[in-house]
Amino acid sequence: MSKTINTKKVSLSLAIVSGIIYVGCVILFAIAPQATLKYSKDLFHGIDITQIAASNISLGSTIIGFIEIIILALLTGWLFAATYNFLQNKRRKK
């Protein structure tokens, strides 16, 4: 028998992990901005963001970015879990 997954737990899990990754990225950028930008170039298939990257990021901007990533992760986690549950229920009916 297939099970559904808890949309709230999946959403919160993804939000927490995304928040941790965001904070890690902020710390890396504060410590080594050029190395972080080079890594970003490698990560994004060669797109050079050094020309558009801000050289100093305010605390307010960092907090807003953190809130945005948490909201986006909550919505993404909920959508993932809801889609998974929908497909599981559809499979059961066959």
N, C-alpha and C. Protein backbone atom coordinates (compact mmCIF):
# COMPACT_ATOMS: atom_id res chain seq x y z
N MET A 1 0.84 -1.18 0.00
CA MET A 1 0.00 0.00 0.00
C MET A 1 0.89 1.25 0.00
N SER A 2 0.58 2.17 -0.89
CA SER A 2 1.37 3.39 -0.95
C SER A 2 0.90 4.40 0.08
N LYS A 3 1.86 5.16 0.56
CA LYS A 3 1.55 6.16 1.57
C LYS A 3 1.66 7.56 1.00
N THR A 4 0.92 8.46 1.60
CA THR A 4 1.08 9.87 1.26
C THR A 4 2.10 10.47 2.22
N ILE A 5 2.61 11.62 1.87
CA ILE A 5 3.57 12.29 2.75
C ILE A 5 2.94 13.55 3.31
N ASN A 6 3.42 13.95 4.46
CA ASN A 6 2.90 15.11 5.17
C ASN A 6 3.43 16.39 4.52
N THR A 7 2.54 17.17 3.93
CA THR A 7 2.96 18.37 3.21
C THR A 7 3.62 19.40 4.13
N LYS A 8 3.15 19.51 5.35
CA LYS A 8 3.75 20.48 6.28
C LYS A 8 5.17 20.09 6.64
N LYS A 9 5.39 18.79 6.89
CA LYS A 9 6.74 18.34 7.26
C LYS A 9 7.71 18.48 6.11
N VAL A 10 7.26 18.16 4.91
CA VAL A 10 8.12 18.31 3.73
C VAL A 10 8.44 19.79 3.51
N SER A 11 7.44 20.65 3.61
CA SER A 11 7.64 22.09 3.42
C SER A 11 8.63 22.65 4.44
N LEU A 12 8.43 22.31 5.69
CA LEU A 12 9.33 22.80 6.74
C LEU A 12 10.74 22.25 6.58
N SER A 13 10.84 20.98 6.22
CA SER A 13 12.16 20.38 6.02
C SER A 13 12.93 21.10 4.93
N LEU A 14 12.27 21.35 3.80
CA LEU A 14 12.93 22.05 2.70
C LEU A 14 13.27 23.49 3.09
N ALA A 15 12.39 24.14 3.82
CA ALA A 15 12.66 25.52 4.25
C ALA A 15 13.86 25.59 5.19
N ILE A 16 13.96 24.63 6.11
CA ILE A 16 15.09 24.62 7.05
C ILE A 16 16.39 24.37 6.31
N VAL A 17 16.40 23.39 5.43
CA VAL A 17 17.62 23.08 4.66
C VAL A 17 18.00 24.26 3.77
N SER A 18 17.04 24.87 3.12
CA SER A 18 17.32 26.03 2.27
C SER A 18 17.85 27.20 3.09
N GLY A 19 17.30 27.41 4.28
CA GLY A 19 17.79 28.47 5.17
C GLY A 19 19.23 28.23 5.59
N ILE A 20 19.56 26.99 5.89
CA ILE A 20 20.93 26.65 6.29
C ILE A 20 21.89 26.89 5.12
N ILE A 21 21.49 26.46 3.93
CA ILE A 21 22.34 26.67 2.75
C ILE A 21 22.50 28.17 2.48
N TYR A 22 21.44 28.94 2.63
CA TYR A 22 21.50 30.39 2.41
C TYR A 22 22.48 31.05 3.38
N VAL A 23 22.36 30.69 4.65
CA VAL A 23 23.26 31.27 5.66
C VAL A 23 24.70 30.87 5.35
N GLY A 24 24.91 29.61 4.95
CA GLY A 24 26.25 29.16 4.58
C GLY A 24 26.81 29.96 3.42
N CYS A 25 25.97 30.24 2.45
CA CYS A 25 26.39 31.03 1.30
C CYS A 25 26.74 32.47 1.71
N VAL A 26 25.94 33.04 2.59
CA VAL A 26 26.21 34.40 3.08
C VAL A 26 27.56 34.43 3.80
N ILE A 27 27.82 33.44 4.62
CA ILE A 27 29.08 33.37 5.35
C ILE A 27 30.25 33.22 4.39
N LEU A 28 30.12 32.32 3.41
CA LEU A 28 31.18 32.14 2.43
C LEU A 28 31.45 33.42 1.64
N PHE A 29 30.38 34.12 1.26
CA PHE A 29 30.56 35.37 0.51
C PHE A 29 31.24 36.44 1.37
N ALA A 30 30.93 36.46 2.67
CA ALA A 30 31.55 37.44 3.57
C ALA A 30 33.04 37.14 3.75
N ILE A 31 33.38 35.85 3.80
CA ILE A 31 34.78 35.44 4.03
C ILE A 31 35.61 35.53 2.75
N ALA A 32 35.07 35.01 1.66
CA ALA A 32 35.82 34.92 0.41
C ALA A 32 34.91 35.25 -0.78
N PRO A 33 34.65 36.53 -1.00
CA PRO A 33 33.70 36.90 -2.06
C PRO A 33 34.14 36.46 -3.46
N GLN A 34 35.39 36.62 -3.81
CA GLN A 34 35.84 36.27 -5.17
C GLN A 34 35.76 34.76 -5.40
N ALA A 35 36.14 33.97 -4.42
CA ALA A 35 36.05 32.52 -4.56
C ALA A 35 34.59 32.07 -4.66
N THR A 36 33.72 32.71 -3.91
CA THR A 36 32.30 32.38 -3.96
C THR A 36 31.71 32.72 -5.32
N LEU A 37 32.11 33.87 -5.88
CA LEU A 37 31.64 34.24 -7.21
C LEU A 37 32.16 33.28 -8.28
N LYS A 38 33.41 32.83 -8.13
CA LYS A 38 33.97 31.87 -9.08
C LYS A 38 33.20 30.55 -9.00
N TYR A 39 32.90 30.12 -7.79
CA TYR A 39 32.13 28.89 -7.61
C TYR A 39 30.74 29.04 -8.25
N SER A 40 30.15 30.22 -8.08
CA SER A 40 28.83 30.46 -8.67
C SER A 40 28.89 30.36 -10.19
N LYS A 41 29.97 30.86 -10.77
CA LYS A 41 30.14 30.77 -12.22
C LYS A 41 30.18 29.31 -12.66
N ASP A 42 30.91 28.50 -11.92
CA ASP A 42 30.99 27.07 -12.23
C ASP A 42 29.64 26.39 -12.03
N LEU A 43 28.94 26.78 -11.00
CA LEU A 43 27.66 26.18 -10.67
C LEU A 43 26.58 26.51 -11.71
N PHE A 44 26.62 27.73 -12.24
CA PHE A 44 25.59 28.18 -13.18
C PHE A 44 26.05 28.10 -14.64
N HIS A 45 26.74 27.04 -14.97
CA HIS A 45 27.11 26.72 -16.36
C HIS A 45 27.89 27.84 -17.05
N GLY A 46 28.80 28.46 -16.32
CA GLY A 46 29.68 29.44 -16.93
C GLY A 46 29.17 30.86 -16.97
N ILE A 47 27.99 31.12 -16.43
CA ILE A 47 27.48 32.49 -16.41
C ILE A 47 28.32 33.30 -15.44
N ASP A 48 28.94 34.37 -15.93
CA ASP A 48 29.81 35.20 -15.11
C ASP A 48 28.99 36.29 -14.42
N ILE A 49 28.78 36.12 -13.12
CA ILE A 49 27.98 37.10 -12.38
C ILE A 49 28.83 38.16 -11.68
N THR A 50 30.16 38.12 -11.90
CA THR A 50 31.01 39.10 -11.23
C THR A 50 30.69 40.53 -11.65
N GLN A 51 30.20 40.71 -12.88
CA GLN A 51 29.89 42.06 -13.37
C GLN A 51 28.62 42.63 -12.75
N ILE A 52 27.74 41.78 -12.26
CA ILE A 52 26.48 42.26 -11.70
C ILE A 52 26.38 42.05 -10.19
N ALA A 53 27.35 41.37 -9.60
CA ALA A 53 27.32 41.09 -8.17
C ALA A 53 27.63 42.35 -7.37
N ALA A 54 26.90 42.54 -6.29
CA ALA A 54 27.16 43.67 -5.39
C ALA A 54 28.42 43.39 -4.59
N SER A 55 29.22 44.42 -4.38
CA SER A 55 30.46 44.22 -3.63
C SER A 55 30.22 44.20 -2.12
N ASN A 56 29.19 44.87 -1.69
CA ASN A 56 28.84 44.82 -0.26
C ASN A 56 27.32 44.67 -0.14
N ILE A 57 26.93 43.77 0.69
CA ILE A 57 25.51 43.46 0.86
C ILE A 57 25.11 43.87 2.27
N SER A 58 24.03 44.62 2.38
CA SER A 58 23.60 45.11 3.69
C SER A 58 22.93 43.99 4.49
N LEU A 59 22.88 44.19 5.78
CA LEU A 59 22.22 43.24 6.66
C LEU A 59 20.73 43.13 6.32
N GLY A 60 20.11 44.26 6.01
CA GLY A 60 18.70 44.26 5.63
C GLY A 60 18.45 43.44 4.38
N SER A 61 19.32 43.59 3.39
CA SER A 61 19.20 42.82 2.15
C SER A 61 19.38 41.32 2.42
N THR A 62 20.29 40.99 3.30
CA THR A 62 20.52 39.59 3.66
C THR A 62 19.30 38.99 4.35
N ILE A 63 18.70 39.75 5.25
CA ILE A 63 17.51 39.26 5.96
C ILE A 63 16.35 39.09 5.00
N ILE A 64 16.16 40.05 4.09
CA ILE A 64 15.09 39.93 3.10
C ILE A 64 15.32 38.71 2.21
N GLY A 65 16.55 38.49 1.78
CA GLY A 65 16.87 37.32 0.98
C GLY A 65 16.60 36.02 1.72
N PHE A 66 16.92 36.00 3.01
CA PHE A 66 16.66 34.82 3.85
C PHE A 66 15.15 34.54 3.93
N ILE A 67 14.39 35.58 4.16
CA ILE A 67 12.93 35.42 4.23
C ILE A 67 12.38 34.94 2.89
N GLU A 68 12.87 35.51 1.80
CA GLU A 68 12.41 35.10 0.47
C GLU A 68 12.73 33.64 0.19
N ILE A 69 13.92 33.18 0.54
CA ILE A 69 14.28 31.79 0.27
C ILE A 69 13.45 30.84 1.13
N ILE A 70 13.14 31.24 2.35
CA ILE A 70 12.31 30.41 3.23
C ILE A 70 10.89 30.29 2.65
N ILE A 71 10.32 31.40 2.22
CA ILE A 71 8.97 31.37 1.63
C ILE A 71 8.96 30.54 0.36
N LEU A 72 9.94 30.74 -0.49
CA LEU A 72 10.03 29.97 -1.73
C LEU A 72 10.17 28.47 -1.44
N ALA A 73 10.98 28.12 -0.46
CA ALA A 73 11.16 26.71 -0.09
C ALA A 73 9.89 26.12 0.51
N LEU A 74 9.18 26.89 1.32
CA LEU A 74 7.92 26.40 1.88
C LEU A 74 6.92 26.09 0.76
N LEU A 75 6.81 27.00 -0.18
CA LEU A 75 5.89 26.80 -1.30
C LEU A 75 6.33 25.63 -2.18
N THR A 76 7.62 25.53 -2.45
CA THR A 76 8.14 24.44 -3.26
C THR A 76 7.95 23.09 -2.57
N GLY A 77 8.22 23.04 -1.27
CA GLY A 77 8.03 21.80 -0.51
C GLY A 77 6.58 21.38 -0.48
N TRP A 78 5.69 22.35 -0.28
CA TRP A 78 4.26 22.02 -0.27
C TRP A 78 3.82 21.51 -1.64
N LEU A 79 4.25 22.20 -2.70
CA LEU A 79 3.86 21.79 -4.05
C LEU A 79 4.40 20.40 -4.38
N PHE A 80 5.63 20.12 -3.98
CA PHE A 80 6.21 18.80 -4.21
C PHE A 80 5.39 17.72 -3.50
N ALA A 81 5.12 17.93 -2.21
CA ALA A 81 4.38 16.94 -1.43
C ALA A 81 2.95 16.77 -1.94
N ALA A 82 2.30 17.88 -2.28
CA ALA A 82 0.93 17.80 -2.80
C ALA A 82 0.89 17.06 -4.13
N THR A 83 1.86 17.31 -5.00
CA THR A 83 1.93 16.61 -6.28
C THR A 83 2.20 15.12 -6.06
N TYR A 84 3.12 14.81 -5.16
CA TYR A 84 3.42 13.42 -4.85
C TYR A 84 2.17 12.70 -4.34
N ASN A 85 1.47 13.32 -3.40
CA ASN A 85 0.25 12.72 -2.85
C ASN A 85 -0.83 12.55 -3.92
N PHE A 86 -0.96 13.55 -4.79
CA PHE A 86 -1.93 13.44 -5.88
C PHE A 86 -1.61 12.24 -6.76
N LEU A 87 -0.36 12.09 -7.12
CA LEU A 87 0.04 10.97 -7.98
C LEU A 87 -0.12 9.63 -7.26
N GLN A 88 0.15 9.60 -5.97
CA GLN A 88 -0.04 8.37 -5.20
C GLN A 88 -1.52 7.99 -5.16
N ASN A 89 -2.39 8.97 -4.93
CA ASN A 89 -3.83 8.71 -4.88
C ASN A 89 -4.36 8.28 -6.24
N LYS A 90 -3.85 8.87 -7.29
CA LYS A 90 -4.27 8.52 -8.64
C LYS A 90 -3.85 7.08 -8.95
N ARG A 91 -2.67 6.71 -8.49
CA ARG A 91 -2.15 5.35 -8.71
C ARG A 91 -3.01 4.32 -7.98
N ARG A 92 -3.45 4.67 -6.78
CA ARG A 92 -4.29 3.76 -5.98
C ARG A 92 -5.61 3.47 -6.66
N LYS A 93 -6.15 4.47 -7.36
CA LYS A 93 -7.47 4.31 -7.97
C LYS A 93 -7.44 3.38 -9.19
N LYS A 94 -6.26 3.16 -9.76
CA LYS A 94 -6.15 2.30 -10.95
C LYS A 94 -6.27 0.85 -10.62
